[in-house]
Amino acid sequence: QGEQLLPPGWVQQMTSRQATSPAGDYG
């Protein structure tokens, strides 16, 4: 609603591949 609640770039960081696991890629 017009307010940046999370730091810019944080959603991309959480939801980008940070690791590979037996059950799939993981953020």
mmCIF file of all heavy atoms, coordinates in Angstrom:
data_MODEL
# 
_entry.id   MODEL 
# 
loop_
_atom_site.group_PDB 
_atom_site.id 
_atom_site.type_symbol 
_atom_site.label_atom_id 
_atom_site.label_alt_id 
_atom_site.label_comp_id 
_atom_site.label_asym_id 
_atom_site.label_entity_id 
_atom_site.label_seq_id 
_atom_site.pdbx_PDB_ins_code 
_atom_site.Cartn_x 
_atom_site.Cartn_y 
_atom_site.Cartn_z 
_atom_site.occupancy 
_atom_site.B_iso_or_equiv 
_atom_site.pdbx_formal_charge 
_atom_site.auth_seq_id 
_atom_site.auth_comp_id 
_atom_site.auth_asym_id 
_atom_site.auth_atom_id 
_atom_site.pdbx_PDB_model_num 
ATOM 1   N N   . GLN A 1 1  ? 0.818  -1.208  0.000  1.00 0.00 ? 1  GLN A N   1 
ATOM 2   C CA  . GLN A 1 1  ? 0.000  0.000   0.000  1.00 0.00 ? 1  GLN A CA  1 
ATOM 3   C C   . GLN A 1 1  ? 0.857  1.267   0.000  1.00 0.00 ? 1  GLN A C   1 
ATOM 4   O O   . GLN A 1 1  ? 0.645  2.195   0.776  1.00 0.00 ? 1  GLN A O   1 
ATOM 5   C CB  . GLN A 1 1  ? -0.965 -0.020  1.185  1.00 0.00 ? 1  GLN A CB  1 
ATOM 6   C CG  . GLN A 1 1  ? -1.958 -1.181  1.106  1.00 0.00 ? 1  GLN A CG  1 
ATOM 7   C CD  . GLN A 1 1  ? -2.945 -1.227  2.248  1.00 0.00 ? 1  GLN A CD  1 
ATOM 8   O OE1 . GLN A 1 1  ? -2.718 -0.621  3.307  1.00 0.00 ? 1  GLN A OE1 1 
ATOM 9   N NE2 . GLN A 1 1  ? -4.042 -1.943  2.068  1.00 0.00 ? 1  GLN A NE2 1 
ATOM 10  N N   . GLY A 1 2  ? 1.842  1.248   -0.878 1.00 0.00 ? 2  GLY A N   1 
ATOM 11  C CA  . GLY A 1 2  ? 2.687  2.417   -1.064 1.00 0.00 ? 2  GLY A CA  1 
ATOM 12  C C   . GLY A 1 2  ? 3.868  2.529   -0.128 1.00 0.00 ? 2  GLY A C   1 
ATOM 13  O O   . GLY A 1 2  ? 4.695  3.443   -0.273 1.00 0.00 ? 2  GLY A O   1 
ATOM 14  N N   . GLU A 1 3  ? 3.986  1.630   0.833  1.00 0.00 ? 3  GLU A N   1 
ATOM 15  C CA  . GLU A 1 3  ? 5.102  1.664   1.783  1.00 0.00 ? 3  GLU A CA  1 
ATOM 16  C C   . GLU A 1 3  ? 6.029  0.476   1.541  1.00 0.00 ? 3  GLU A C   1 
ATOM 17  O O   . GLU A 1 3  ? 5.576  -0.647  1.338  1.00 0.00 ? 3  GLU A O   1 
ATOM 18  C CB  . GLU A 1 3  ? 4.581  1.615   3.220  1.00 0.00 ? 3  GLU A CB  1 
ATOM 19  C CG  . GLU A 1 3  ? 5.668  1.705   4.266  1.00 0.00 ? 3  GLU A CG  1 
ATOM 20  C CD  . GLU A 1 3  ? 5.133  1.642   5.685  1.00 0.00 ? 3  GLU A CD  1 
ATOM 21  O OE1 . GLU A 1 3  ? 3.899  1.547   5.858  1.00 0.00 ? 3  GLU A OE1 1 
ATOM 22  O OE2 . GLU A 1 3  ? 5.950  1.668   6.623  1.00 0.00 ? 3  GLU A OE2 1 
ATOM 23  N N   . GLN A 1 4  ? 7.339  0.737   1.568  1.00 0.00 ? 4  GLN A N   1 
ATOM 24  C CA  . GLN A 1 4  ? 8.321  -0.334  1.411  1.00 0.00 ? 4  GLN A CA  1 
ATOM 25  C C   . GLN A 1 4  ? 8.567  -0.953  2.779  1.00 0.00 ? 4  GLN A C   1 
ATOM 26  O O   . GLN A 1 4  ? 9.358  -0.445  3.585  1.00 0.00 ? 4  GLN A O   1 
ATOM 27  C CB  . GLN A 1 4  ? 9.626  0.220   0.819  1.00 0.00 ? 4  GLN A CB  1 
ATOM 28  C CG  . GLN A 1 4  ? 10.632 -0.855  0.444  1.00 0.00 ? 4  GLN A CG  1 
ATOM 29  C CD  . GLN A 1 4  ? 10.236 -1.642  -0.796 1.00 0.00 ? 4  GLN A CD  1 
ATOM 30  O OE1 . GLN A 1 4  ? 9.673  -1.095  -1.741 1.00 0.00 ? 4  GLN A OE1 1 
ATOM 31  N NE2 . GLN A 1 4  ? 10.521 -2.929  -0.795 1.00 0.00 ? 4  GLN A NE2 1 
ATOM 32  N N   . LEU A 1 5  ? 7.865  -2.079  3.056  1.00 0.00 ? 5  LEU A N   1 
ATOM 33  C CA  . LEU A 1 5  ? 7.981  -2.712  4.369  1.00 0.00 ? 5  LEU A CA  1 
ATOM 34  C C   . LEU A 1 5  ? 9.262  -3.514  4.509  1.00 0.00 ? 5  LEU A C   1 
ATOM 35  O O   . LEU A 1 5  ? 9.801  -3.632  5.614  1.00 0.00 ? 5  LEU A O   1 
ATOM 36  C CB  . LEU A 1 5  ? 6.784  -3.637  4.618  1.00 0.00 ? 5  LEU A CB  1 
ATOM 37  C CG  . LEU A 1 5  ? 5.394  -3.013  4.646  1.00 0.00 ? 5  LEU A CG  1 
ATOM 38  C CD1 . LEU A 1 5  ? 4.372  -4.033  5.136  1.00 0.00 ? 5  LEU A CD1 1 
ATOM 39  C CD2 . LEU A 1 5  ? 5.360  -1.772  5.517  1.00 0.00 ? 5  LEU A CD2 1 
ATOM 40  N N   . LEU A 1 6  ? 9.734  -4.094  3.425  1.00 0.00 ? 6  LEU A N   1 
ATOM 41  C CA  . LEU A 1 6  ? 10.958 -4.893  3.456  1.00 0.00 ? 6  LEU A CA  1 
ATOM 42  C C   . LEU A 1 6  ? 12.074 -4.134  2.757  1.00 0.00 ? 6  LEU A C   1 
ATOM 43  O O   . LEU A 1 6  ? 11.826 -3.386  1.798  1.00 0.00 ? 6  LEU A O   1 
ATOM 44  C CB  . LEU A 1 6  ? 10.733 -6.237  2.772  1.00 0.00 ? 6  LEU A CB  1 
ATOM 45  C CG  . LEU A 1 6  ? 9.562  -7.083  3.290  1.00 0.00 ? 6  LEU A CG  1 
ATOM 46  C CD1 . LEU A 1 6  ? 9.514  -8.425  2.574  1.00 0.00 ? 6  LEU A CD1 1 
ATOM 47  C CD2 . LEU A 1 6  ? 9.643  -7.267  4.794  1.00 0.00 ? 6  LEU A CD2 1 
ATOM 48  N N   . PRO A 1 7  ? 13.307 -4.314  3.182  1.00 0.00 ? 7  PRO A N   1 
ATOM 49  C CA  . PRO A 1 7  ? 14.411 -3.604  2.530  1.00 0.00 ? 7  PRO A CA  1 
ATOM 50  C C   . PRO A 1 7  ? 14.459 -3.903  1.038  1.00 0.00 ? 7  PRO A C   1 
ATOM 51  O O   . PRO A 1 7  ? 14.202 -5.049  0.625  1.00 0.00 ? 7  PRO A O   1 
ATOM 52  C CB  . PRO A 1 7  ? 15.651 -4.158  3.242  1.00 0.00 ? 7  PRO A CB  1 
ATOM 53  C CG  . PRO A 1 7  ? 15.149 -4.653  4.546  1.00 0.00 ? 7  PRO A CG  1 
ATOM 54  C CD  . PRO A 1 7  ? 13.765 -5.154  4.300  1.00 0.00 ? 7  PRO A CD  1 
ATOM 55  N N   . PRO A 1 8  ? 14.770 -2.919  0.207  1.00 0.00 ? 8  PRO A N   1 
ATOM 56  C CA  . PRO A 1 8  ? 14.871 -3.171  -1.236 1.00 0.00 ? 8  PRO A CA  1 
ATOM 57  C C   . PRO A 1 8  ? 15.843 -4.311  -1.521 1.00 0.00 ? 8  PRO A C   1 
ATOM 58  O O   . PRO A 1 8  ? 16.947 -4.369  -0.970 1.00 0.00 ? 8  PRO A O   1 
ATOM 59  C CB  . PRO A 1 8  ? 15.395 -1.840  -1.781 1.00 0.00 ? 8  PRO A CB  1 
ATOM 60  C CG  . PRO A 1 8  ? 14.940 -0.818  -0.781 1.00 0.00 ? 8  PRO A CG  1 
ATOM 61  C CD  . PRO A 1 8  ? 14.994 -1.509  0.543  1.00 0.00 ? 8  PRO A CD  1 
ATOM 62  N N   . GLY A 1 9  ? 15.425 -5.232  -2.345 1.00 0.00 ? 9  GLY A N   1 
ATOM 63  C CA  . GLY A 1 9  ? 16.260 -6.358  -2.724 1.00 0.00 ? 9  GLY A CA  1 
ATOM 64  C C   . GLY A 1 9  ? 16.121 -7.577  -1.830 1.00 0.00 ? 9  GLY A C   1 
ATOM 65  O O   . GLY A 1 9  ? 16.597 -8.659  -2.196 1.00 0.00 ? 9  GLY A O   1 
ATOM 66  N N   . TRP A 1 10 ? 15.462 -7.432  -0.662 1.00 0.00 ? 10 TRP A N   1 
ATOM 67  C CA  . TRP A 1 10 ? 15.421 -8.559  0.263  1.00 0.00 ? 10 TRP A CA  1 
ATOM 68  C C   . TRP A 1 10 ? 14.550 -9.706  -0.260 1.00 0.00 ? 10 TRP A C   1 
ATOM 69  O O   . TRP A 1 10 ? 14.898 -10.872 -0.104 1.00 0.00 ? 10 TRP A O   1 
ATOM 70  C CB  . TRP A 1 10 ? 14.942 -8.121  1.646  1.00 0.00 ? 10 TRP A CB  1 
ATOM 71  C CG  . TRP A 1 10 ? 14.993 -9.228  2.658  1.00 0.00 ? 10 TRP A CG  1 
ATOM 72  C CD1 . TRP A 1 10 ? 13.939 -9.843  3.275  1.00 0.00 ? 10 TRP A CD1 1 
ATOM 73  C CD2 . TRP A 1 10 ? 16.168 -9.890  3.151  1.00 0.00 ? 10 TRP A CD2 1 
ATOM 74  N NE1 . TRP A 1 10 ? 14.382 -10.830 4.131  1.00 0.00 ? 10 TRP A NE1 1 
ATOM 75  C CE2 . TRP A 1 10 ? 15.749 -10.885 4.068  1.00 0.00 ? 10 TRP A CE2 1 
ATOM 76  C CE3 . TRP A 1 10 ? 17.542 -9.734  2.907  1.00 0.00 ? 10 TRP A CE3 1 
ATOM 77  C CZ2 . TRP A 1 10 ? 16.651 -11.714 4.741  1.00 0.00 ? 10 TRP A CZ2 1 
ATOM 78  C CZ3 . TRP A 1 10 ? 18.436 -10.572 3.581  1.00 0.00 ? 10 TRP A CZ3 1 
ATOM 79  C CH2 . TRP A 1 10 ? 17.999 -11.541 4.483  1.00 0.00 ? 10 TRP A CH2 1 
ATOM 80  N N   . VAL A 1 11 ? 13.420 -9.384  -0.888 1.00 0.00 ? 11 VAL A N   1 
ATOM 81  C CA  . VAL A 1 11 ? 12.577 -10.454 -1.440 1.00 0.00 ? 11 VAL A CA  1 
ATOM 82  C C   . VAL A 1 11 ? 13.346 -11.234 -2.503 1.00 0.00 ? 11 VAL A C   1 
ATOM 83  O O   . VAL A 1 11 ? 13.316 -12.469 -2.535 1.00 0.00 ? 11 VAL A O   1 
ATOM 84  C CB  . VAL A 1 11 ? 11.259 -9.899  -2.006 1.00 0.00 ? 11 VAL A CB  1 
ATOM 85  C CG1 . VAL A 1 11 ? 10.492 -10.992 -2.768 1.00 0.00 ? 11 VAL A CG1 1 
ATOM 86  C CG2 . VAL A 1 11 ? 10.388 -9.340  -0.890 1.00 0.00 ? 11 VAL A CG2 1 
ATOM 87  N N   . GLN A 1 12 ? 14.054 -10.502 -3.381 1.00 0.00 ? 12 GLN A N   1 
ATOM 88  C CA  . GLN A 1 12 ? 14.854 -11.199 -4.402 1.00 0.00 ? 12 GLN A CA  1 
ATOM 89  C C   . GLN A 1 12 ? 15.903 -12.090 -3.763 1.00 0.00 ? 12 GLN A C   1 
ATOM 90  O O   . GLN A 1 12 ? 16.168 -13.203 -4.246 1.00 0.00 ? 12 GLN A O   1 
ATOM 91  C CB  . GLN A 1 12 ? 15.520 -10.172 -5.338 1.00 0.00 ? 12 GLN A CB  1 
ATOM 92  C CG  . GLN A 1 12 ? 14.533 -9.352  -6.175 1.00 0.00 ? 12 GLN A CG  1 
ATOM 93  C CD  . GLN A 1 12 ? 14.213 -8.015  -5.551 1.00 0.00 ? 12 GLN A CD  1 
ATOM 94  O OE1 . GLN A 1 12 ? 14.029 -7.903  -4.321 1.00 0.00 ? 12 GLN A OE1 1 
ATOM 95  N NE2 . GLN A 1 12 ? 14.149 -6.992  -6.372 1.00 0.00 ? 12 GLN A NE2 1 
ATOM 96  N N   . GLN A 1 13 ? 16.497 -11.627 -2.662 1.00 0.00 ? 13 GLN A N   1 
ATOM 97  C CA  . GLN A 1 13 ? 17.531 -12.417 -1.996 1.00 0.00 ? 13 GLN A CA  1 
ATOM 98  C C   . GLN A 1 13 ? 16.929 -13.670 -1.360 1.00 0.00 ? 13 GLN A C   1 
ATOM 99  O O   . GLN A 1 13 ? 17.499 -14.769 -1.457 1.00 0.00 ? 13 GLN A O   1 
ATOM 100 C CB  . GLN A 1 13 ? 18.222 -11.556 -0.935 1.00 0.00 ? 13 GLN A CB  1 
ATOM 101 C CG  . GLN A 1 13 ? 19.609 -12.034 -0.559 1.00 0.00 ? 13 GLN A CG  1 
ATOM 102 C CD  . GLN A 1 13 ? 20.410 -10.954 0.159  1.00 0.00 ? 13 GLN A CD  1 
ATOM 103 O OE1 . GLN A 1 13 ? 20.002 -9.787  0.204  1.00 0.00 ? 13 GLN A OE1 1 
ATOM 104 N NE2 . GLN A 1 13 ? 21.544 -11.321 0.717  1.00 0.00 ? 13 GLN A NE2 1 
ATOM 105 N N   . MET A 1 14 ? 15.780 -13.523 -0.695 1.00 0.00 ? 14 MET A N   1 
ATOM 106 C CA  . MET A 1 14 ? 15.131 -14.674 -0.061 1.00 0.00 ? 14 MET A CA  1 
ATOM 107 C C   . MET A 1 14 ? 14.712 -15.717 -1.073 1.00 0.00 ? 14 MET A C   1 
ATOM 108 O O   . MET A 1 14 ? 14.732 -16.915 -0.785 1.00 0.00 ? 14 MET A O   1 
ATOM 109 C CB  . MET A 1 14 ? 13.869 -14.229 0.703  1.00 0.00 ? 14 MET A CB  1 
ATOM 110 C CG  . MET A 1 14 ? 14.094 -13.461 1.969  1.00 0.00 ? 14 MET A CG  1 
ATOM 111 S SD  . MET A 1 14 ? 12.552 -13.323 2.944  1.00 0.00 ? 14 MET A SD  1 
ATOM 112 C CE  . MET A 1 14 ? 11.453 -12.480 1.790  1.00 0.00 ? 14 MET A CE  1 
ATOM 113 N N   . THR A 1 15 ? 14.309 -15.274 -2.258 1.00 0.00 ? 15 THR A N   1 
ATOM 114 C CA  . THR A 1 15 ? 13.669 -16.173 -3.218 1.00 0.00 ? 15 THR A CA  1 
ATOM 115 C C   . THR A 1 15 ? 14.558 -16.482 -4.421 1.00 0.00 ? 15 THR A C   1 
ATOM 116 O O   . THR A 1 15 ? 14.066 -16.990 -5.430 1.00 0.00 ? 15 THR A O   1 
ATOM 117 C CB  . THR A 1 15 ? 12.330 -15.577 -3.687 1.00 0.00 ? 15 THR A CB  1 
ATOM 118 O OG1 . THR A 1 15 ? 12.558 -14.310 -4.334 1.00 0.00 ? 15 THR A OG1 1 
ATOM 119 C CG2 . THR A 1 15 ? 11.389 -15.365 -2.509 1.00 0.00 ? 15 THR A CG2 1 
ATOM 120 N N   . SER A 1 16 ? 15.839 -16.205 -4.302 1.00 0.00 ? 16 SER A N   1 
ATOM 121 C CA  . SER A 1 16 ? 16.822 -16.613 -5.306 1.00 0.00 ? 16 SER A CA  1 
ATOM 122 C C   . SER A 1 16 ? 17.551 -17.847 -4.805 1.00 0.00 ? 16 SER A C   1 
ATOM 123 O O   . SER A 1 16 ? 17.594 -18.121 -3.598 1.00 0.00 ? 16 SER A O   1 
ATOM 124 C CB  . SER A 1 16 ? 17.837 -15.497 -5.565 1.00 0.00 ? 16 SER A CB  1 
ATOM 125 O OG  . SER A 1 16 ? 17.209 -14.361 -6.104 1.00 0.00 ? 16 SER A OG  1 
ATOM 126 N N   . ARG A 1 17 ? 18.149 -18.583 -5.711 1.00 0.00 ? 17 ARG A N   1 
ATOM 127 C CA  . ARG A 1 17 ? 18.856 -19.797 -5.311 1.00 0.00 ? 17 ARG A CA  1 
ATOM 128 C C   . ARG A 1 17 ? 20.086 -19.456 -4.489 1.00 0.00 ? 17 ARG A C   1 
ATOM 129 O O   . ARG A 1 17 ? 21.012 -18.824 -4.954 1.00 0.00 ? 17 ARG A O   1 
ATOM 130 C CB  . ARG A 1 17 ? 19.266 -20.617 -6.541 1.00 0.00 ? 17 ARG A CB  1 
ATOM 131 C CG  . ARG A 1 17 ? 19.865 -21.968 -6.151 1.00 0.00 ? 17 ARG A CG  1 
ATOM 132 C CD  . ARG A 1 17 ? 20.225 -22.793 -7.364 1.00 0.00 ? 17 ARG A CD  1 
ATOM 133 N NE  . ARG A 1 17 ? 21.361 -22.201 -8.070 1.00 0.00 ? 17 ARG A NE  1 
ATOM 134 C CZ  . ARG A 1 17 ? 21.890 -22.686 -9.186 1.00 0.00 ? 17 ARG A CZ  1 
ATOM 135 N NH1 . ARG A 1 17 ? 21.362 -23.767 -9.745 1.00 0.00 ? 17 ARG A NH1 1 
ATOM 136 N NH2 . ARG A 1 17 ? 22.916 -22.101 -9.763 1.00 0.00 ? 17 ARG A NH2 1 
ATOM 137 N N   . GLN A 1 18 ? 20.074 -19.911 -3.259 1.00 0.00 ? 18 GLN A N   1 
ATOM 138 C CA  . GLN A 1 18 ? 21.214 -19.759 -2.360 1.00 0.00 ? 18 GLN A CA  1 
ATOM 139 C C   . GLN A 1 18 ? 21.897 -21.090 -2.090 1.00 0.00 ? 18 GLN A C   1 
ATOM 140 O O   . GLN A 1 18 ? 23.034 -21.117 -1.612 1.00 0.00 ? 18 GLN A O   1 
ATOM 141 C CB  . GLN A 1 18 ? 20.762 -19.131 -1.037 1.00 0.00 ? 18 GLN A CB  1 
ATOM 142 C CG  . GLN A 1 18 ? 20.033 -17.808 -1.164 1.00 0.00 ? 18 GLN A CG  1 
ATOM 143 C CD  . GLN A 1 18 ? 20.933 -16.684 -1.651 1.00 0.00 ? 18 GLN A CD  1 
ATOM 144 O OE1 . GLN A 1 18 ? 22.153 -16.794 -1.675 1.00 0.00 ? 18 GLN A OE1 1 
ATOM 145 N NE2 . GLN A 1 18 ? 20.320 -15.570 -2.047 1.00 0.00 ? 18 GLN A NE2 1 
ATOM 146 N N   . ALA A 1 19 ? 21.183 -22.179 -2.397 1.00 0.00 ? 19 ALA A N   1 
ATOM 147 C CA  . ALA A 1 19 ? 21.730 -23.521 -2.159 1.00 0.00 ? 19 ALA A CA  1 
ATOM 148 C C   . ALA A 1 19 ? 20.980 -24.507 -3.038 1.00 0.00 ? 19 ALA A C   1 
ATOM 149 O O   . ALA A 1 19 ? 19.853 -24.252 -3.476 1.00 0.00 ? 19 ALA A O   1 
ATOM 150 C CB  . ALA A 1 19 ? 21.595 -23.918 -0.693 1.00 0.00 ? 19 ALA A CB  1 
ATOM 151 N N   . THR A 1 20 ? 21.618 -25.636 -3.287 1.00 0.00 ? 20 THR A N   1 
ATOM 152 C CA  . THR A 1 20 ? 20.981 -26.746 -3.982 1.00 0.00 ? 20 THR A CA  1 
ATOM 153 C C   . THR A 1 20 ? 20.831 -27.896 -2.998 1.00 0.00 ? 20 THR A C   1 
ATOM 154 O O   . THR A 1 20 ? 21.778 -28.249 -2.297 1.00 0.00 ? 20 THR A O   1 
ATOM 155 C CB  . THR A 1 20 ? 21.814 -27.196 -5.190 1.00 0.00 ? 20 THR A CB  1 
ATOM 156 O OG1 . THR A 1 20 ? 21.932 -26.093 -6.100 1.00 0.00 ? 20 THR A OG1 1 
ATOM 157 C CG2 . THR A 1 20 ? 21.150 -28.355 -5.902 1.00 0.00 ? 20 THR A CG2 1 
ATOM 158 N N   . SER A 1 21 ? 19.636 -28.452 -2.942 1.00 0.00 ? 21 SER A N   1 
ATOM 159 C CA  . SER A 1 21 ? 19.364 -29.521 -1.988 1.00 0.00 ? 21 SER A CA  1 
ATOM 160 C C   . SER A 1 21 ? 18.793 -30.730 -2.708 1.00 0.00 ? 21 SER A C   1 
ATOM 161 O O   . SER A 1 21 ? 18.358 -30.627 -3.862 1.00 0.00 ? 21 SER A O   1 
ATOM 162 C CB  . SER A 1 21 ? 18.359 -29.036 -0.936 1.00 0.00 ? 21 SER A CB  1 
ATOM 163 O OG  . SER A 1 21 ? 17.033 -29.229 -1.390 1.00 0.00 ? 21 SER A OG  1 
ATOM 164 N N   . PRO A 1 22 ? 18.746 -31.883 -2.038 1.00 0.00 ? 22 PRO A N   1 
ATOM 165 C CA  . PRO A 1 22 ? 18.127 -33.067 -2.650 1.00 0.00 ? 22 PRO A CA  1 
ATOM 166 C C   . PRO A 1 22 ? 16.650 -32.869 -2.974 1.00 0.00 ? 22 PRO A C   1 
ATOM 167 O O   . PRO A 1 22 ? 16.099 -33.572 -3.820 1.00 0.00 ? 22 PRO A O   1 
ATOM 168 C CB  . PRO A 1 22 ? 18.311 -34.151 -1.578 1.00 0.00 ? 22 PRO A CB  1 
ATOM 169 C CG  . PRO A 1 22 ? 19.449 -33.683 -0.738 1.00 0.00 ? 22 PRO A CG  1 
ATOM 170 C CD  . PRO A 1 22 ? 19.366 -32.198 -0.733 1.00 0.00 ? 22 PRO A CD  1 
ATOM 171 N N   . ALA A 1 23 ? 16.008 -31.917 -2.284 1.00 0.00 ? 23 ALA A N   1 
ATOM 172 C CA  . ALA A 1 23 ? 14.578 -31.674 -2.499 1.00 0.00 ? 23 ALA A CA  1 
ATOM 173 C C   . ALA A 1 23 ? 14.302 -30.488 -3.411 1.00 0.00 ? 23 ALA A C   1 
ATOM 174 O O   . ALA A 1 23 ? 13.148 -30.125 -3.612 1.00 0.00 ? 23 ALA A O   1 
ATOM 175 C CB  . ALA A 1 23 ? 13.888 -31.460 -1.159 1.00 0.00 ? 23 ALA A CB  1 
ATOM 176 N N   . GLY A 1 24 ? 15.355 -29.880 -3.958 1.00 0.00 ? 24 GLY A N   1 
ATOM 177 C CA  . GLY A 1 24 ? 15.158 -28.751 -4.863 1.00 0.00 ? 24 GLY A CA  1 
ATOM 178 C C   . GLY A 1 24 ? 16.009 -27.562 -4.481 1.00 0.00 ? 24 GLY A C   1 
ATOM 179 O O   . GLY A 1 24 ? 16.639 -27.531 -3.413 1.00 0.00 ? 24 GLY A O   1 
ATOM 180 N N   . ASP A 1 25 ? 16.031 -26.567 -5.351 1.00 0.00 ? 25 ASP A N   1 
ATOM 181 C CA  . ASP A 1 25 ? 16.788 -25.356 -5.061 1.00 0.00 ? 25 ASP A CA  1 
ATOM 182 C C   . ASP A 1 25 ? 16.153 -24.603 -3.899 1.00 0.00 ? 25 ASP A C   1 
ATOM 183 O O   . ASP A 1 25 ? 14.935 -24.630 -3.691 1.00 0.00 ? 25 ASP A O   1 
ATOM 184 C CB  . ASP A 1 25 ? 16.840 -24.461 -6.303 1.00 0.00 ? 25 ASP A CB  1 
ATOM 185 C CG  . ASP A 1 25 ? 17.734 -25.042 -7.383 1.00 0.00 ? 25 ASP A CG  1 
ATOM 186 O OD1 . ASP A 1 25 ? 18.563 -25.923 -7.070 1.00 0.00 ? 25 ASP A OD1 1 
ATOM 187 O OD2 . ASP A 1 25 ? 17.612 -24.618 -8.551 1.00 0.00 ? 25 ASP A OD2 1 
ATOM 188 N N   . TYR A 1 26 ? 17.015 -23.909 -3.163 1.00 0.00 ? 26 TYR A N   1 
ATOM 189 C CA  . TYR A 1 26 ? 16.589 -23.316 -1.897 1.00 0.00 ? 26 TYR A CA  1 
ATOM 190 C C   . TYR A 1 26 ? 17.096 -21.898 -1.785 1.00 0.00 ? 26 TYR A C   1 
ATOM 191 O O   . TYR A 1 26 ? 18.234 -21.592 -2.157 1.00 0.00 ? 26 TYR A O   1 
ATOM 192 C CB  . TYR A 1 26 ? 17.136 -24.166 -0.744 1.00 0.00 ? 26 TYR A CB  1 
ATOM 193 C CG  . TYR A 1 26 ? 16.402 -24.015 0.562  1.00 0.00 ? 26 TYR A CG  1 
ATOM 194 C CD1 . TYR A 1 26 ? 15.116 -24.501 0.721  1.00 0.00 ? 26 TYR A CD1 1 
ATOM 195 C CD2 . TYR A 1 26 ? 17.014 -23.394 1.648  1.00 0.00 ? 26 TYR A CD2 1 
ATOM 196 C CE1 . TYR A 1 26 ? 14.450 -24.389 1.940  1.00 0.00 ? 26 TYR A CE1 1 
ATOM 197 C CE2 . TYR A 1 26 ? 16.363 -23.276 2.866  1.00 0.00 ? 26 TYR A CE2 1 
ATOM 198 C CZ  . TYR A 1 26 ? 15.078 -23.769 3.001  1.00 0.00 ? 26 TYR A CZ  1 
ATOM 199 O OH  . TYR A 1 26 ? 14.420 -23.656 4.208  1.00 0.00 ? 26 TYR A OH  1 
ATOM 200 N N   . GLY A 1 27 ? 16.250 -21.002 -1.271 1.00 0.00 ? 27 GLY A N   1 
ATOM 201 C CA  . GLY A 1 27 ? 16.647 -19.628 -1.007 1.00 0.00 ? 27 GLY A CA  1 
ATOM 202 C C   . GLY A 1 27 ? 16.915 -19.432 0.465  1.00 0.00 ? 27 GLY A C   1 
ATOM 203 O O   . GLY A 1 27 ? 17.620 -20.212 1.104  1.00 0.00 ? 27 GLY A O   1 
# 
